[in-house]
All heavy atoms as atom14 arrays in JSON, in Angstrom:
{
  "sequence": "SVKGRFTISRENAKITVYLQMNSLHPEDTAIYYCESRDLNSPFTV",
  "atom14_mask": [
    [1, 1, 1, 1, 1, 1, 0, 0, 0, 0, 0, 0, 0, 0],
    [1, 1, 1, 1, 1, 1, 1, 0, 0, 0, 0, 0, 0, 0],
    [1, 1, 1, 1, 1, 1, 1, 1, 1, 0, 0, 0, 0, 0],
    [1, 1, 1, 1, 0, 0, 0, 0, 0, 0, 0, 0, 0, 0],
    [1, 1, 1, 1, 1, 1, 1, 1, 1, 1, 1, 0, 0, 0],
    [1, 1, 1, 1, 1, 1, 1, 1, 1, 1, 1, 0, 0, 0],
    [1, 1, 1, 1, 1, 1, 1, 0, 0, 0, 0, 0, 0, 0],
    [1, 1, 1, 1, 1, 1, 1, 1, 0, 0, 0, 0, 0, 0],
    [1, 1, 1, 1, 1, 1, 0, 0, 0, 0, 0, 0, 0, 0],
    [1, 1, 1, 1, 1, 1, 1, 1, 1, 1, 1, 0, 0, 0],
    [1, 1, 1, 1, 1, 1, 1, 1, 1, 0, 0, 0, 0, 0],
    [1, 1, 1, 1, 1, 1, 1, 1, 0, 0, 0, 0, 0, 0],
    [1, 1, 1, 1, 1, 0, 0, 0, 0, 0, 0, 0, 0, 0],
    [1, 1, 1, 1, 1, 1, 1, 1, 1, 0, 0, 0, 0, 0],
    [1, 1, 1, 1, 1, 1, 1, 1, 0, 0, 0, 0, 0, 0],
    [1, 1, 1, 1, 1, 1, 1, 0, 0, 0, 0, 0, 0, 0],
    [1, 1, 1, 1, 1, 1, 1, 0, 0, 0, 0, 0, 0, 0],
    [1, 1, 1, 1, 1, 1, 1, 1, 1, 1, 1, 1, 0, 0],
    [1, 1, 1, 1, 1, 1, 1, 1, 0, 0, 0, 0, 0, 0],
    [1, 1, 1, 1, 1, 1, 1, 1, 1, 0, 0, 0, 0, 0],
    [1, 1, 1, 1, 1, 1, 1, 1, 0, 0, 0, 0, 0, 0],
    [1, 1, 1, 1, 1, 1, 1, 1, 0, 0, 0, 0, 0, 0],
    [1, 1, 1, 1, 1, 1, 0, 0, 0, 0, 0, 0, 0, 0],
    [1, 1, 1, 1, 1, 1, 1, 1, 0, 0, 0, 0, 0, 0],
    [1, 1, 1, 1, 1, 1, 1, 1, 1, 1, 0, 0, 0, 0],
    [1, 1, 1, 1, 1, 1, 1, 0, 0, 0, 0, 0, 0, 0],
    [1, 1, 1, 1, 1, 1, 1, 1, 1, 0, 0, 0, 0, 0],
    [1, 1, 1, 1, 1, 1, 1, 1, 0, 0, 0, 0, 0, 0],
    [1, 1, 1, 1, 1, 1, 1, 0, 0, 0, 0, 0, 0, 0],
    [1, 1, 1, 1, 1, 0, 0, 0, 0, 0, 0, 0, 0, 0],
    [1, 1, 1, 1, 1, 1, 1, 1, 0, 0, 0, 0, 0, 0],
    [1, 1, 1, 1, 1, 1, 1, 1, 1, 1, 1, 1, 0, 0],
    [1, 1, 1, 1, 1, 1, 1, 1, 1, 1, 1, 1, 0, 0],
    [1, 1, 1, 1, 1, 1, 0, 0, 0, 0, 0, 0, 0, 0],
    [1, 1, 1, 1, 1, 1, 1, 1, 1, 0, 0, 0, 0, 0],
    [1, 1, 1, 1, 1, 1, 0, 0, 0, 0, 0, 0, 0, 0],
    [1, 1, 1, 1, 1, 1, 1, 1, 1, 1, 1, 0, 0, 0],
    [1, 1, 1, 1, 1, 1, 1, 1, 0, 0, 0, 0, 0, 0],
    [1, 1, 1, 1, 1, 1, 1, 1, 0, 0, 0, 0, 0, 0],
    [1, 1, 1, 1, 1, 1, 1, 1, 0, 0, 0, 0, 0, 0],
    [1, 1, 1, 1, 1, 1, 0, 0, 0, 0, 0, 0, 0, 0],
    [1, 1, 1, 1, 1, 1, 1, 0, 0, 0, 0, 0, 0, 0],
    [1, 1, 1, 1, 1, 1, 1, 1, 1, 1, 1, 0, 0, 0],
    [1, 1, 1, 1, 1, 1, 1, 0, 0, 0, 0, 0, 0, 0],
    [1, 1, 1, 1, 1, 1, 1, 0, 0, 0, 0, 0, 0, 0]
  ],
  "atom14_positions": [
    [[2.13, -16.65, -43.96], [3.46, -16.02, -44.06], [3.47, -14.93, -45.12], [4.45, -14.1, -45.09], [4.51, -17.05, -44.34], [4.25, -17.7, -45.56], [0.0, 0.0, 0.0], [0.0, 0.0, 0.0], [0.0, 0.0, 0.0], [0.0, 0.0, 0.0], [0.0, 0.0, 0.0], [0.0, 0.0, 0.0], [0.0, 0.0, 0.0], [0.0, 0.0, 0.0]],
    [[2.55, -14.89, -46.08], [2.57, -13.92, -47.13], [1.4, -12.96, -47.11], [1.37, -12.02, -47.93], [2.72, -14.57, -48.52], [3.89, -15.56, -48.56], [1.4, -15.28, -48.93], [0.0, 0.0, 0.0], [0.0, 0.0, 0.0], [0.0, 0.0, 0.0], [0.0, 0.0, 0.0], [0.0, 0.0, 0.0], [0.0, 0.0, 0.0], [0.0, 0.0, 0.0]],
    [[0.45, -13.21, -46.23], [-0.72, -12.32, -46.19], [-0.34, -10.89, -45.96], [0.53, -10.57, -45.12], [-1.65, -12.8, -45.04], [-2.66, -13.84, -45.47], [-3.6, -14.11, -44.3], [-4.57, -15.23, -44.68], [-5.45, -15.59, -43.54], [0.0, 0.0, 0.0], [0.0, 0.0, 0.0], [0.0, 0.0, 0.0], [0.0, 0.0, 0.0], [0.0, 0.0, 0.0]],
    [[-0.96, -10.01, -46.68], [-0.64, -8.58, -46.6], [0.56, -8.14, -47.43], [0.79, -6.93, -47.57], [0.0, 0.0, 0.0], [0.0, 0.0, 0.0], [0.0, 0.0, 0.0], [0.0, 0.0, 0.0], [0.0, 0.0, 0.0], [0.0, 0.0, 0.0], [0.0, 0.0, 0.0], [0.0, 0.0, 0.0], [0.0, 0.0, 0.0], [0.0, 0.0, 0.0]],
    [[1.33, -9.09, -47.93], [2.51, -8.74, -48.74], [2.36, -9.19, -50.18], [2.85, -8.53, -51.1], [3.74, -9.42, -48.12], [4.06, -9.0, -46.71], [5.4, -9.53, -46.25], [5.47, -10.99, -46.24], [6.4, -11.7, -46.93], [7.29, -11.1, -47.66], [6.41, -13.05, -46.82], [0.0, 0.0, 0.0], [0.0, 0.0, 0.0], [0.0, 0.0, 0.0]],
    [[1.7, -10.34, -50.41], [1.59, -10.9, -51.75], [0.09, -10.73, -52.2], [-0.81, -10.84, -51.42], [1.91, -12.34, -51.78], [3.35, -12.69, -51.57], [4.27, -11.74, -51.14], [3.85, -13.96, -51.79], [5.62, -12.03, -50.94], [5.17, -14.31, -51.59], [6.06, -13.34, -51.17], [0.0, 0.0, 0.0], [0.0, 0.0, 0.0], [0.0, 0.0, 0.0]],
    [[-0.06, -10.57, -53.51], [-1.4, -10.49, -54.09], [-1.45, -11.36, -55.34], [-0.63, -11.19, -56.26], [-1.79, -9.05, -54.43], [-1.69, -8.24, -53.29], [-3.21, -9.0, -55.01], [0.0, 0.0, 0.0], [0.0, 0.0, 0.0], [0.0, 0.0, 0.0], [0.0, 0.0, 0.0], [0.0, 0.0, 0.0], [0.0, 0.0, 0.0], [0.0, 0.0, 0.0]],
    [[-2.43, -12.29, -55.39], [-2.59, -13.08, -56.57], [-3.8, -12.5, -57.36], [-4.79, -12.06, -56.77], [-2.86, -14.59, -56.19], [-2.81, -15.46, -57.45], [-4.15, -14.75, -55.43], [-2.79, -16.97, -57.13], [0.0, 0.0, 0.0], [0.0, 0.0, 0.0], [0.0, 0.0, 0.0], [0.0, 0.0, 0.0], [0.0, 0.0, 0.0], [0.0, 0.0, 0.0]],
    [[-3.65, -12.51, -58.69], [-4.76, -12.08, -59.56], [-4.69, -12.8, -60.88], [-3.67, -13.47, -61.17], [-4.61, -10.56, -59.77], [-3.39, -10.26, -60.39], [0.0, 0.0, 0.0], [0.0, 0.0, 0.0], [0.0, 0.0, 0.0], [0.0, 0.0, 0.0], [0.0, 0.0, 0.0], [0.0, 0.0, 0.0], [0.0, 0.0, 0.0], [0.0, 0.0, 0.0]],
    [[-5.8, -12.7, -61.61], [-5.81, -13.43, -62.89], [-6.46, -12.53, -63.94], [-7.39, -11.74, -63.66], [-6.55, -14.76, -62.76], [-7.98, -14.67, -62.42], [-8.51, -16.08, -62.08], [-8.41, -16.98, -63.24], [-8.45, -18.34, -63.11], [-8.57, -18.89, -61.94], [-8.36, -19.05, -64.21], [0.0, 0.0, 0.0], [0.0, 0.0, 0.0], [0.0, 0.0, 0.0]],
    [[-6.0, -12.64, -65.15], [-6.61, -12.02, -66.31], [-6.86, -13.09, -67.3], [-5.98, -13.51, -68.08], [-5.67, -10.95, -66.92], [-5.53, -9.67, -66.08], [-4.84, -8.58, -66.85], [-5.37, -8.09, -67.87], [-3.74, -8.16, -66.45], [0.0, 0.0, 0.0], [0.0, 0.0, 0.0], [0.0, 0.0, 0.0], [0.0, 0.0, 0.0], [0.0, 0.0, 0.0]],
    [[-8.06, -13.61, -67.3], [-8.37, -14.75, -68.2], [-8.23, -14.4, -69.68], [-7.78, -15.2, -70.47], [-9.8, -15.22, -67.95], [-9.92, -15.95, -66.62], [-8.96, -16.45, -66.05], [-11.12, -15.95, -66.06], [0.0, 0.0, 0.0], [0.0, 0.0, 0.0], [0.0, 0.0, 0.0], [0.0, 0.0, 0.0], [0.0, 0.0, 0.0], [0.0, 0.0, 0.0]],
    [[-8.51, -13.14, -70.03], [-8.37, -12.72, -71.42], [-6.94, -12.82, -71.88], [-6.63, -13.06, -73.07], [-8.92, -11.35, -71.61], [0.0, 0.0, 0.0], [0.0, 0.0, 0.0], [0.0, 0.0, 0.0], [0.0, 0.0, 0.0], [0.0, 0.0, 0.0], [0.0, 0.0, 0.0], [0.0, 0.0, 0.0], [0.0, 0.0, 0.0], [0.0, 0.0, 0.0]],
    [[-5.98, -12.64, -70.93], [-4.56, -12.73, -71.24], [-4.0, -14.1, -70.8], [-2.79, -14.3, -70.91], [-3.79, -11.64, -70.52], [-4.15, -10.23, -71.01], [-3.23, -9.19, -70.32], [-3.51, -7.78, -70.87], [-2.65, -6.74, -70.22], [0.0, 0.0, 0.0], [0.0, 0.0, 0.0], [0.0, 0.0, 0.0], [0.0, 0.0, 0.0], [0.0, 0.0, 0.0]],
    [[-4.89, -15.02, -70.47], [-4.52, -16.34, -70.0], [-3.37, -16.31, -69.06], [-2.42, -17.15, -69.12], [-4.22, -17.3, -71.22], [-3.17, -16.76, -72.15], [-5.51, -17.57, -71.95], [-2.78, -17.77, -73.25], [0.0, 0.0, 0.0], [0.0, 0.0, 0.0], [0.0, 0.0, 0.0], [0.0, 0.0, 0.0], [0.0, 0.0, 0.0], [0.0, 0.0, 0.0]],
    [[-3.35, -15.36, -68.12], [-2.24, -15.15, -67.21], [-2.71, -15.0, -65.77], [-3.75, -14.4, -65.54], [-1.48, -13.9, -67.64], [-1.01, -14.03, -68.99], [-0.23, -13.68, -66.72], [0.0, 0.0, 0.0], [0.0, 0.0, 0.0], [0.0, 0.0, 0.0], [0.0, 0.0, 0.0], [0.0, 0.0, 0.0], [0.0, 0.0, 0.0], [0.0, 0.0, 0.0]],
    [[-1.92, -15.57, -64.9], [-2.13, -15.42, -63.44], [-0.87, -14.72, -62.89], [0.23, -15.12, -63.25], [-2.37, -16.72, -62.75], [-2.44, -16.53, -61.23], [-3.75, -17.29, -63.25], [0.0, 0.0, 0.0], [0.0, 0.0, 0.0], [0.0, 0.0, 0.0], [0.0, 0.0, 0.0], [0.0, 0.0, 0.0], [0.0, 0.0, 0.0], [0.0, 0.0, 0.0]],
    [[-1.07, -13.74, -62.05], [0.04, -12.96, -61.49], [0.21, -13.19, -60.02], [-0.75, -13.51, -59.31], [-0.19, -11.5, -61.75], [-0.44, -11.09, -63.17], [-1.75, -10.94, -63.66], [0.64, -10.91, -64.04], [-1.97, -10.59, -64.97], [0.41, -10.53, -65.36], [-0.88, -10.4, -65.82], [-1.12, -10.06, -67.16], [0.0, 0.0, 0.0], [0.0, 0.0, 0.0]],
    [[1.44, -12.99, -59.55], [1.71, -12.95, -58.12], [2.57, -11.75, -57.85], [3.76, -11.71, -58.18], [2.42, -14.24, -57.63], [2.62, -14.31, -56.1], [1.28, -14.46, -55.38], [3.54, -15.46, -55.75], [0.0, 0.0, 0.0], [0.0, 0.0, 0.0], [0.0, 0.0, 0.0], [0.0, 0.0, 0.0], [0.0, 0.0, 0.0], [0.0, 0.0, 0.0]],
    [[1.96, -10.68, -57.28], [2.68, -9.5, -56.92], [3.23, -9.7, -55.52], [2.45, -9.94, -54.6], [1.75, -8.29, -56.97], [2.4, -6.99, -56.5], [3.52, -6.56, -57.43], [3.44, -6.68, -58.64], [4.61, -6.06, -56.86], [0.0, 0.0, 0.0], [0.0, 0.0, 0.0], [0.0, 0.0, 0.0], [0.0, 0.0, 0.0], [0.0, 0.0, 0.0]],
    [[4.55, -9.57, -55.38], [5.19, -9.8, -54.12], [5.89, -8.56, -53.61], [6.8, -8.06, -54.32], [6.25, -10.96, -54.25], [5.63, -12.24, -54.86], [6.82, -13.62, -54.88], [8.09, -12.98, -55.97], [0.0, 0.0, 0.0], [0.0, 0.0, 0.0], [0.0, 0.0, 0.0], [0.0, 0.0, 0.0], [0.0, 0.0, 0.0], [0.0, 0.0, 0.0]],
    [[5.42, -8.03, -52.5], [6.02, -6.83, -51.92], [6.63, -7.13, -50.59], [6.36, -8.19, -49.98], [4.9, -5.75, -51.75], [4.26, -5.36, -53.07], [4.91, -5.31, -54.11], [2.97, -5.03, -53.01], [0.0, 0.0, 0.0], [0.0, 0.0, 0.0], [0.0, 0.0, 0.0], [0.0, 0.0, 0.0], [0.0, 0.0, 0.0], [0.0, 0.0, 0.0]],
    [[7.43, -6.23, -50.09], [8.1, -6.35, -48.8], [8.71, -7.71, -48.65], [8.53, -8.45, -47.68], [7.07, -6.16, -47.65], [6.49, -4.84, -47.74], [0.0, 0.0, 0.0], [0.0, 0.0, 0.0], [0.0, 0.0, 0.0], [0.0, 0.0, 0.0], [0.0, 0.0, 0.0], [0.0, 0.0, 0.0], [0.0, 0.0, 0.0], [0.0, 0.0, 0.0]],
    [[9.53, -8.11, -49.63], [10.11, -9.45, -49.65], [11.11, -9.63, -48.48], [11.86, -8.71, -48.15], [10.77, -9.72, -50.98], [9.73, -10.04, -52.1], [10.39, -9.84, -53.46], [9.28, -11.45, -51.95], [0.0, 0.0, 0.0], [0.0, 0.0, 0.0], [0.0, 0.0, 0.0], [0.0, 0.0, 0.0], [0.0, 0.0, 0.0], [0.0, 0.0, 0.0]],
    [[11.12, -10.86, -47.97], [12.05, -11.25, -46.92], [13.01, -12.27, -47.47], [12.67, -13.02, -48.44], [11.29, -11.89, -45.76], [10.17, -11.04, -45.17], [9.14, -11.57, -44.52], [10.0, -9.7, -45.18], [8.32, -10.62, -44.1], [8.84, -9.47, -44.49], [0.0, 0.0, 0.0], [0.0, 0.0, 0.0], [0.0, 0.0, 0.0], [0.0, 0.0, 0.0]],
    [[14.23, -12.39, -46.88], [15.16, -13.46, -47.31], [14.53, -14.83, -47.26], [14.84, -15.68, -48.11], [16.3, -13.35, -46.31], [16.33, -11.88, -45.92], [14.83, -11.51, -45.88], [0.0, 0.0, 0.0], [0.0, 0.0, 0.0], [0.0, 0.0, 0.0], [0.0, 0.0, 0.0], [0.0, 0.0, 0.0], [0.0, 0.0, 0.0], [0.0, 0.0, 0.0]],
    [[13.62, -15.07, -46.32], [12.99, -16.4, -46.25], [11.98, -16.67, -47.35], [11.46, -17.74, -47.47], [12.35, -16.61, -44.87], [11.41, -15.5, -44.44], [12.07, -14.45, -43.61], [13.23, -14.16, -43.84], [11.42, -13.93, -42.7], [0.0, 0.0, 0.0], [0.0, 0.0, 0.0], [0.0, 0.0, 0.0], [0.0, 0.0, 0.0], [0.0, 0.0, 0.0]],
    [[11.7, -15.66, -48.19], [10.88, -15.88, -49.4], [11.69, -16.47, -50.52], [11.11, -16.81, -51.55], [10.24, -14.56, -49.86], [9.25, -13.97, -48.85], [8.46, -14.8, -48.29], [9.3, -12.77, -48.61], [0.0, 0.0, 0.0], [0.0, 0.0, 0.0], [0.0, 0.0, 0.0], [0.0, 0.0, 0.0], [0.0, 0.0, 0.0], [0.0, 0.0, 0.0]],
    [[12.97, -16.58, -50.36], [13.83, -17.21, -51.4], [13.45, -18.61, -51.64], [13.36, -19.44, -50.75], [15.29, -17.14, -50.96], [15.71, -15.77, -50.86], [16.2, -17.85, -51.94], [0.0, 0.0, 0.0], [0.0, 0.0, 0.0], [0.0, 0.0, 0.0], [0.0, 0.0, 0.0], [0.0, 0.0, 0.0], [0.0, 0.0, 0.0], [0.0, 0.0, 0.0]],
    [[13.15, -18.92, -52.92], [12.7, -20.26, -53.32], [12.48, -20.27, -54.83], [12.52, -19.23, -55.49], [11.41, -20.64, -52.63], [0.0, 0.0, 0.0], [0.0, 0.0, 0.0], [0.0, 0.0, 0.0], [0.0, 0.0, 0.0], [0.0, 0.0, 0.0], [0.0, 0.0, 0.0], [0.0, 0.0, 0.0], [0.0, 0.0, 0.0], [0.0, 0.0, 0.0]],
    [[12.22, -21.46, -55.33], [11.69, -21.6, -56.67], [10.17, -21.54, -56.58], [9.61, -22.27, -55.76], [12.16, -22.9, -57.39], [13.68, -22.95, -57.47], [11.5, -23.01, -58.76], [14.22, -24.31, -57.99], [0.0, 0.0, 0.0], [0.0, 0.0, 0.0], [0.0, 0.0, 0.0], [0.0, 0.0, 0.0], [0.0, 0.0, 0.0], [0.0, 0.0, 0.0]],
    [[9.58, -20.69, -57.35], [8.14, -20.48, -57.34], [7.49, -21.21, -58.52], [7.94, -21.0, -59.68], [7.79, -18.99, -57.34], [8.0, -18.36, -56.01], [9.25, -18.13, -55.51], [6.93, -17.93, -55.26], [9.49, -17.6, -54.27], [7.1, -17.35, -54.02], [8.41, -17.16, -53.53], [8.58, -16.6, -52.25], [0.0, 0.0, 0.0], [0.0, 0.0, 0.0]],
    [[6.52, -21.99, -58.24], [5.79, -22.79, -59.26], [4.35, -22.37, -59.35], [3.7, -22.15, -58.37], [5.84, -24.27, -58.9], [7.22, -24.89, -58.84], [7.92, -24.92, -57.64], [7.84, -25.45, -59.99], [9.22, -25.49, -57.55], [9.09, -25.98, -59.91], [9.8, -26.03, -58.68], [11.05, -26.54, -58.67], [0.0, 0.0, 0.0], [0.0, 0.0, 0.0]],
    [[3.88, -22.33, -60.6], [2.45, -22.15, -60.86], [1.83, -23.49, -61.1], [2.41, -24.32, -61.82], [2.37, -21.26, -62.12], [0.72, -21.01, -62.75], [0.0, 0.0, 0.0], [0.0, 0.0, 0.0], [0.0, 0.0, 0.0], [0.0, 0.0, 0.0], [0.0, 0.0, 0.0], [0.0, 0.0, 0.0], [0.0, 0.0, 0.0], [0.0, 0.0, 0.0]],
    [[0.72, -23.76, -60.45], [0.02, -25.04, -60.61], [-1.45, -24.8, -60.92], [-2.01, -23.76, -60.51], [0.18, -25.87, -59.35], [1.67, -26.1, -58.96], [1.81, -27.11, -57.8], [0.79, -27.7, -57.39], [2.96, -27.29, -57.39], [0.0, 0.0, 0.0], [0.0, 0.0, 0.0], [0.0, 0.0, 0.0], [0.0, 0.0, 0.0], [0.0, 0.0, 0.0]],
    [[-2.04, -25.75, -61.58], [-3.43, -25.53, -61.97], [-4.23, -26.85, -61.91], [-3.67, -27.95, -61.86], [-3.53, -24.99, -63.4], [-3.15, -25.93, -64.36], [0.0, 0.0, 0.0], [0.0, 0.0, 0.0], [0.0, 0.0, 0.0], [0.0, 0.0, 0.0], [0.0, 0.0, 0.0], [0.0, 0.0, 0.0], [0.0, 0.0, 0.0], [0.0, 0.0, 0.0]],
    [[-5.53, -26.68, -61.86], [-6.44, -27.84, -61.88], [-7.75, -27.41, -62.53], [-8.32, -26.39, -62.16], [-6.66, -28.41, -60.5], [-7.72, -29.51, -60.49], [-7.86, -30.15, -59.2], [-9.01, -31.02, -59.14], [-9.28, -31.84, -58.19], [-8.48, -32.01, -57.19], [-10.38, -32.63, -58.21], [0.0, 0.0, 0.0], [0.0, 0.0, 0.0], [0.0, 0.0, 0.0]],
    [[-8.22, -28.22, -63.46], [-9.54, -28.01, -64.09], [-10.6, -28.36, -63.08], [-10.64, -29.47, -62.55], [-9.63, -28.92, -65.32], [-10.86, -28.61, -66.19], [-11.68, -27.82, -65.79], [-10.92, -29.17, -67.26], [0.0, 0.0, 0.0], [0.0, 0.0, 0.0], [0.0, 0.0, 0.0], [0.0, 0.0, 0.0], [0.0, 0.0, 0.0], [0.0, 0.0, 0.0]],
    [[-11.5, -27.4, -62.82], [-12.54, -27.59, -61.83], [-13.87, -27.08, -62.37], [-13.94, -26.08, -63.06], [-12.25, -26.83, -60.53], [-11.26, -27.38, -59.49], [-11.12, -26.43, -58.37], [-11.79, -28.77, -59.07], [0.0, 0.0, 0.0], [0.0, 0.0, 0.0], [0.0, 0.0, 0.0], [0.0, 0.0, 0.0], [0.0, 0.0, 0.0], [0.0, 0.0, 0.0]],
    [[-14.96, -27.75, -61.99], [-16.26, -27.25, -62.29], [-16.65, -26.12, -61.38], [-17.25, -25.17, -61.77], [-17.34, -28.37, -62.2], [-17.2, -29.33, -63.38], [-16.88, -28.94, -64.48], [-17.52, -30.58, -63.1], [0.0, 0.0, 0.0], [0.0, 0.0, 0.0], [0.0, 0.0, 0.0], [0.0, 0.0, 0.0], [0.0, 0.0, 0.0], [0.0, 0.0, 0.0]],
    [[-16.29, -26.25, -60.06], [-16.69, -25.23, -59.08], [-15.92, -23.93, -59.37], [-14.7, -23.93, -59.5], [-16.35, -25.71, -57.67], [-16.42, -24.62, -56.77], [0.0, 0.0, 0.0], [0.0, 0.0, 0.0], [0.0, 0.0, 0.0], [0.0, 0.0, 0.0], [0.0, 0.0, 0.0], [0.0, 0.0, 0.0], [0.0, 0.0, 0.0], [0.0, 0.0, 0.0]],
    [[-16.66, -22.85, -59.43], [-15.99, -21.54, -59.66], [-15.34, -20.93, -58.42], [-14.56, -19.96, -58.53], [-17.08, -20.64, -60.21], [-18.3, -21.19, -59.59], [-18.08, -22.71, -59.46], [0.0, 0.0, 0.0], [0.0, 0.0, 0.0], [0.0, 0.0, 0.0], [0.0, 0.0, 0.0], [0.0, 0.0, 0.0], [0.0, 0.0, 0.0], [0.0, 0.0, 0.0]],
    [[-15.64, -21.5, -57.24], [-15.21, -20.84, -55.97], [-14.16, -21.63, -55.23], [-13.54, -21.14, -54.29], [-16.4, -20.64, -55.11], [-17.44, -19.75, -55.68], [-18.65, -20.33, -56.13], [-17.29, -18.4, -55.84], [-19.66, -19.56, -56.69], [-18.26, -17.61, -56.42], [-19.46, -18.2, -56.83], [0.0, 0.0, 0.0], [0.0, 0.0, 0.0], [0.0, 0.0, 0.0]],
    [[-13.94, -22.86, -55.59], [-13.08, -23.73, -54.77], [-11.6, -23.42, -54.94], [-11.13, -23.11, -56.05], [-13.25, -25.23, -55.24], [-14.63, -25.59, -55.02], [-12.35, -26.17, -54.44], [0.0, 0.0, 0.0], [0.0, 0.0, 0.0], [0.0, 0.0, 0.0], [0.0, 0.0, 0.0], [0.0, 0.0, 0.0], [0.0, 0.0, 0.0], [0.0, 0.0, 0.0]],
    [[-10.92, -23.39, -53.78], [-9.5, -23.16, -53.76], [-8.86, -24.27, -52.94], [-9.34, -24.63, -51.85], [-9.17, -21.81, -53.11], [-7.65, -21.6, -52.98], [-9.77, -20.66, -53.93], [0.0, 0.0, 0.0], [0.0, 0.0, 0.0], [0.0, 0.0, 0.0], [0.0, 0.0, 0.0], [0.0, 0.0, 0.0], [0.0, 0.0, 0.0], [0.0, 0.0, 0.0]]
  ]
}
């Protein structure tokens, strides 16, 4: 539902993860939560 409109990125030096949201729709209305998990694998999502 967000492909092509949203972009996630991270800047580890700034300890920050971003979510750029473009072309927003009314159905995007929500509370947005950031979640994390400590992982050994560098590629797992």
